[in-house]
Structure formats: C-alpha cells, structure tokens
Amino acid sequence: MNHEAIRALYPNVVTIDDTTGAKDNNGNNVEIDMDLVNAWVDPNAYKYKRQRAYSLLNQFEMQFDDKQNGTTTWQDAITAIKLANPKP
C-alpha cells in the first residue's frame, strides 16, 4: 500500500496497516479506492529526485573550478538537474 498516497487522499485515516487496512480515529475501516491511490502522483517527487541528483562534493568542486577557469559548469549542471526533474 502506498501510505503517503492514502494519507494525502483520505485525511480522515489515522492508521494504515498493509494487512488490516486503513482506519479512522474511531477505529472504523476506511474504504480505499486503490485505483485512485495507484494513480496518485506525489507533488514533491521532483524534490526527492533532485536531492538524489545533487552531490554537494561535486558541486563544490565545480564551483571551485568555475571560479578558477571562468566557466559555468556548476550552473549548467544545476540547470540540467532542474530540467530533468521539473516542478509539477
């Protein structure tokens, strides 16, 4: 189960268990539309992808080299990451 999608789509859900399902604050089962859950797209997914693509060590090296060489390698790399992982 995609717990994050369920919590986003069903704000009344307080607990989620992969075997017993989702429950509200009274312990009642909440019926979940799995098609809706599976279709949900995390609006913050681009952030996680960008974070994995950014390497601070590489960025520092690129910035140092750019300063020494008058190049824009660092800026070009960041722009490429943002273009590959756009905000929704």
N, C-alpha and C. Protein backbone atom coordinates (compact mmCIF):
# COMPACT_ATOMS: atom_id res chain seq x y z
N MET A 1 0.84 -1.19 0.00
CA MET A 1 0.00 0.00 0.00
C MET A 1 0.87 1.24 0.00
N ASN A 2 0.44 2.22 -0.74
CA ASN A 2 1.14 3.49 -0.77
C ASN A 2 0.57 4.36 0.36
N HIS A 3 1.21 4.31 1.50
CA HIS A 3 0.72 5.00 2.69
C HIS A 3 0.65 6.51 2.49
N GLU A 4 1.65 7.06 1.80
CA GLU A 4 1.67 8.50 1.58
C GLU A 4 0.48 8.94 0.73
N ALA A 5 0.17 8.17 -0.30
CA ALA A 5 -0.98 8.49 -1.16
C ALA A 5 -2.28 8.38 -0.36
N ILE A 6 -2.40 7.36 0.45
CA ILE A 6 -3.62 7.17 1.25
C ILE A 6 -3.80 8.35 2.20
N ARG A 7 -2.73 8.75 2.87
CA ARG A 7 -2.84 9.88 3.80
C ARG A 7 -3.18 11.18 3.08
N ALA A 8 -2.67 11.35 1.86
CA ALA A 8 -2.97 12.57 1.10
C ALA A 8 -4.42 12.57 0.60
N LEU A 9 -4.90 11.41 0.20
CA LEU A 9 -6.24 11.33 -0.40
C LEU A 9 -7.35 11.14 0.64
N TYR A 10 -7.01 10.59 1.78
CA TYR A 10 -8.01 10.30 2.82
C TYR A 10 -7.52 10.90 4.15
N PRO A 11 -7.76 12.19 4.37
CA PRO A 11 -7.25 12.85 5.58
C PRO A 11 -7.85 12.31 6.88
N ASN A 12 -8.95 11.58 6.79
CA ASN A 12 -9.56 11.01 7.99
C ASN A 12 -8.86 9.73 8.45
N VAL A 13 -7.95 9.19 7.66
CA VAL A 13 -7.23 7.98 8.03
C VAL A 13 -6.14 8.34 9.04
N VAL A 14 -6.12 7.59 10.15
CA VAL A 14 -5.10 7.82 11.18
C VAL A 14 -4.11 6.66 11.29
N THR A 15 -4.54 5.45 10.91
CA THR A 15 -3.62 4.31 10.91
C THR A 15 -3.80 3.52 9.62
N ILE A 16 -2.68 3.00 9.15
CA ILE A 16 -2.69 2.17 7.94
C ILE A 16 -1.87 0.93 8.24
N ASP A 17 -2.47 -0.21 7.96
CA ASP A 17 -1.79 -1.48 8.13
C ASP A 17 -1.97 -2.24 6.82
N ASP A 18 -0.89 -2.77 6.28
CA ASP A 18 -0.96 -3.44 4.98
C ASP A 18 -1.85 -4.67 5.00
N THR A 19 -2.09 -5.25 6.15
CA THR A 19 -2.94 -6.44 6.20
C THR A 19 -4.37 -6.13 6.64
N THR A 20 -4.54 -5.20 7.58
CA THR A 20 -5.90 -4.92 8.07
C THR A 20 -6.53 -3.70 7.43
N GLY A 21 -5.75 -2.89 6.72
CA GLY A 21 -6.30 -1.75 6.00
C GLY A 21 -6.15 -0.44 6.75
N ALA A 22 -6.94 0.55 6.31
CA ALA A 22 -6.88 1.90 6.88
C ALA A 22 -8.03 2.11 7.85
N LYS A 23 -7.74 2.86 8.93
CA LYS A 23 -8.76 3.10 9.94
C LYS A 23 -8.81 4.58 10.29
N ASP A 24 -10.00 5.03 10.68
CA ASP A 24 -10.14 6.42 11.13
C ASP A 24 -9.87 6.50 12.62
N ASN A 25 -10.07 7.68 13.22
CA ASN A 25 -9.73 7.85 14.64
C ASN A 25 -10.65 7.09 15.59
N ASN A 26 -11.77 6.57 15.07
CA ASN A 26 -12.67 5.74 15.88
C ASN A 26 -12.40 4.26 15.71
N GLY A 27 -11.40 3.92 14.90
CA GLY A 27 -11.07 2.52 14.66
C GLY A 27 -11.91 1.89 13.56
N ASN A 28 -12.72 2.70 12.88
CA ASN A 28 -13.54 2.18 11.79
C ASN A 28 -12.71 2.04 10.52
N ASN A 29 -13.02 1.00 9.74
CA ASN A 29 -12.35 0.82 8.47
C ASN A 29 -12.73 1.94 7.51
N VAL A 30 -11.75 2.40 6.76
CA VAL A 30 -11.99 3.40 5.73
C VAL A 30 -11.80 2.69 4.39
N GLU A 31 -12.83 2.75 3.56
CA GLU A 31 -12.75 2.10 2.26
C GLU A 31 -11.83 2.91 1.34
N ILE A 32 -10.84 2.23 0.79
CA ILE A 32 -9.82 2.88 -0.03
C ILE A 32 -10.01 2.46 -1.49
N ASP A 33 -10.05 3.43 -2.38
CA ASP A 33 -10.10 3.17 -3.82
C ASP A 33 -8.66 3.02 -4.30
N MET A 34 -8.21 1.79 -4.52
CA MET A 34 -6.83 1.53 -4.88
C MET A 34 -6.48 2.08 -6.26
N ASP A 35 -7.46 2.19 -7.16
CA ASP A 35 -7.19 2.81 -8.46
C ASP A 35 -6.79 4.27 -8.26
N LEU A 36 -7.50 4.94 -7.37
CA LEU A 36 -7.19 6.34 -7.06
C LEU A 36 -5.82 6.45 -6.39
N VAL A 37 -5.54 5.55 -5.47
CA VAL A 37 -4.25 5.54 -4.77
C VAL A 37 -3.12 5.29 -5.76
N ASN A 38 -3.30 4.32 -6.65
CA ASN A 38 -2.26 3.99 -7.61
C ASN A 38 -2.04 5.09 -8.64
N ALA A 39 -3.06 5.89 -8.89
CA ALA A 39 -2.95 6.99 -9.87
C ALA A 39 -2.36 8.25 -9.24
N TRP A 40 -2.30 8.30 -7.91
CA TRP A 40 -1.82 9.50 -7.21
C TRP A 40 -0.34 9.74 -7.53
N VAL A 41 -0.02 10.99 -7.79
CA VAL A 41 1.37 11.39 -8.05
C VAL A 41 1.80 12.33 -6.93
N ASP A 42 2.88 11.99 -6.29
CA ASP A 42 3.40 12.80 -5.19
C ASP A 42 3.84 14.15 -5.73
N PRO A 43 3.24 15.25 -5.27
CA PRO A 43 3.62 16.56 -5.77
C PRO A 43 5.04 16.96 -5.38
N ASN A 44 5.63 16.25 -4.45
CA ASN A 44 7.00 16.56 -4.03
C ASN A 44 8.04 15.60 -4.60
N ALA A 45 7.63 14.71 -5.50
CA ALA A 45 8.56 13.72 -6.04
C ALA A 45 9.76 14.37 -6.71
N TYR A 46 9.52 15.49 -7.39
CA TYR A 46 10.64 16.16 -8.07
C TYR A 46 11.72 16.57 -7.07
N LYS A 47 11.33 16.92 -5.85
CA LYS A 47 12.31 17.32 -4.84
C LYS A 47 13.23 16.17 -4.48
N TYR A 48 12.64 14.99 -4.30
CA TYR A 48 13.44 13.82 -3.92
C TYR A 48 14.38 13.42 -5.04
N LYS A 49 13.90 13.52 -6.28
CA LYS A 49 14.76 13.19 -7.42
C LYS A 49 15.92 14.18 -7.53
N ARG A 50 15.63 15.45 -7.31
CA ARG A 50 16.69 16.46 -7.36
C ARG A 50 17.71 16.23 -6.25
N GLN A 51 17.24 15.91 -5.05
CA GLN A 51 18.15 15.69 -3.94
C GLN A 51 19.11 14.54 -4.23
N ARG A 52 18.60 13.48 -4.85
CA ARG A 52 19.47 12.35 -5.19
C ARG A 52 20.49 12.75 -6.27
N ALA A 53 20.10 13.65 -7.15
CA ALA A 53 20.98 14.06 -8.24
C ALA A 53 22.04 15.07 -7.80
N TYR A 54 21.76 15.84 -6.76
CA TYR A 54 22.72 16.84 -6.29
C TYR A 54 23.78 16.17 -5.43
N SER A 55 25.00 16.33 -5.78
CA SER A 55 26.11 15.86 -4.96
C SER A 55 26.85 17.10 -4.47
N LEU A 56 26.82 17.34 -3.17
CA LEU A 56 27.47 18.54 -2.64
C LEU A 56 28.97 18.57 -2.95
N LEU A 57 29.62 17.43 -2.82
CA LEU A 57 31.06 17.40 -3.10
C LEU A 57 31.32 17.79 -4.56
N ASN A 58 30.54 17.23 -5.47
CA ASN A 58 30.71 17.59 -6.89
C ASN A 58 30.41 19.06 -7.13
N GLN A 59 29.39 19.57 -6.45
CA GLN A 59 29.04 20.97 -6.62
C GLN A 59 30.17 21.89 -6.15
N PHE A 60 30.75 21.58 -5.01
CA PHE A 60 31.86 22.39 -4.50
C PHE A 60 33.03 22.36 -5.47
N GLU A 61 33.33 21.18 -6.00
CA GLU A 61 34.43 21.07 -6.95
C GLU A 61 34.13 21.88 -8.22
N MET A 62 32.89 21.79 -8.71
CA MET A 62 32.52 22.54 -9.91
C MET A 62 32.60 24.04 -9.66
N GLN A 63 32.14 24.48 -8.49
CA GLN A 63 32.20 25.90 -8.16
C GLN A 63 33.65 26.39 -8.09
N PHE A 64 34.50 25.60 -7.47
CA PHE A 64 35.91 25.97 -7.39
C PHE A 64 36.52 26.07 -8.78
N ASP A 65 36.27 25.04 -9.60
CA ASP A 65 36.81 25.04 -10.96
C ASP A 65 36.26 26.21 -11.78
N ASP A 66 34.98 26.50 -11.62
CA ASP A 66 34.38 27.62 -12.34
C ASP A 66 35.04 28.94 -11.95
N LYS A 67 35.30 29.10 -10.67
CA LYS A 67 35.94 30.33 -10.18
C LYS A 67 37.34 30.46 -10.79
N GLN A 68 38.06 29.34 -10.85
CA GLN A 68 39.43 29.35 -11.38
C GLN A 68 39.45 29.55 -12.90
N ASN A 69 38.47 28.94 -13.59
CA ASN A 69 38.51 28.90 -15.04
C ASN A 69 37.54 29.85 -15.73
N GLY A 70 36.70 30.53 -14.94
CA GLY A 70 35.72 31.42 -15.55
C GLY A 70 34.66 30.68 -16.34
N THR A 71 34.34 29.46 -15.91
CA THR A 71 33.35 28.63 -16.62
C THR A 71 32.02 28.62 -15.86
N THR A 72 31.03 27.98 -16.41
CA THR A 72 29.70 27.89 -15.78
C THR A 72 29.27 26.43 -15.62
N THR A 73 30.21 25.55 -15.38
CA THR A 73 29.92 24.12 -15.26
C THR A 73 28.91 23.85 -14.16
N TRP A 74 29.09 24.47 -13.01
CA TRP A 74 28.18 24.23 -11.88
C TRP A 74 26.76 24.68 -12.23
N GLN A 75 26.64 25.90 -12.75
CA GLN A 75 25.31 26.42 -13.11
C GLN A 75 24.67 25.55 -14.18
N ASP A 76 25.43 25.09 -15.14
CA ASP A 76 24.91 24.22 -16.20
C ASP A 76 24.42 22.89 -15.62
N ALA A 77 25.16 22.34 -14.66
CA ALA A 77 24.78 21.06 -14.04
C ALA A 77 23.48 21.20 -13.25
N ILE A 78 23.35 22.28 -12.48
CA ILE A 78 22.14 22.51 -11.69
C ILE A 78 20.95 22.70 -12.61
N THR A 79 21.14 23.47 -13.67
CA THR A 79 20.06 23.70 -14.64
C THR A 79 19.62 22.38 -15.27
N ALA A 80 20.56 21.52 -15.62
CA ALA A 80 20.24 20.23 -16.21
C ALA A 80 19.43 19.35 -15.25
N ILE A 81 19.79 19.36 -13.97
CA ILE A 81 19.06 18.59 -12.97
C ILE A 81 17.63 19.11 -12.84
N LYS A 82 17.49 20.43 -12.80
CA LYS A 82 16.14 21.02 -12.68
C LYS A 82 15.29 20.74 -13.92
N LEU A 83 15.90 20.77 -15.09
CA LEU A 83 15.15 20.47 -16.31
C LEU A 83 14.75 19.01 -16.37
N ALA A 84 15.60 18.12 -15.87
CA ALA A 84 15.29 16.69 -15.87
C ALA A 84 14.24 16.33 -14.83
N ASN A 85 14.10 17.16 -13.78
CA ASN A 85 13.16 16.91 -12.68
C ASN A 85 12.34 18.17 -12.42
N PRO A 86 11.45 18.53 -13.34
CA PRO A 86 10.70 19.80 -13.20
C PRO A 86 9.67 19.76 -12.09
N LYS A 87 9.35 20.95 -11.60
CA LYS A 87 8.26 21.07 -10.63
C LYS A 87 6.95 20.77 -11.37
N PRO A 88 6.00 20.14 -10.68
CA PRO A 88 4.72 19.83 -11.35
C PRO A 88 3.93 21.09 -11.68
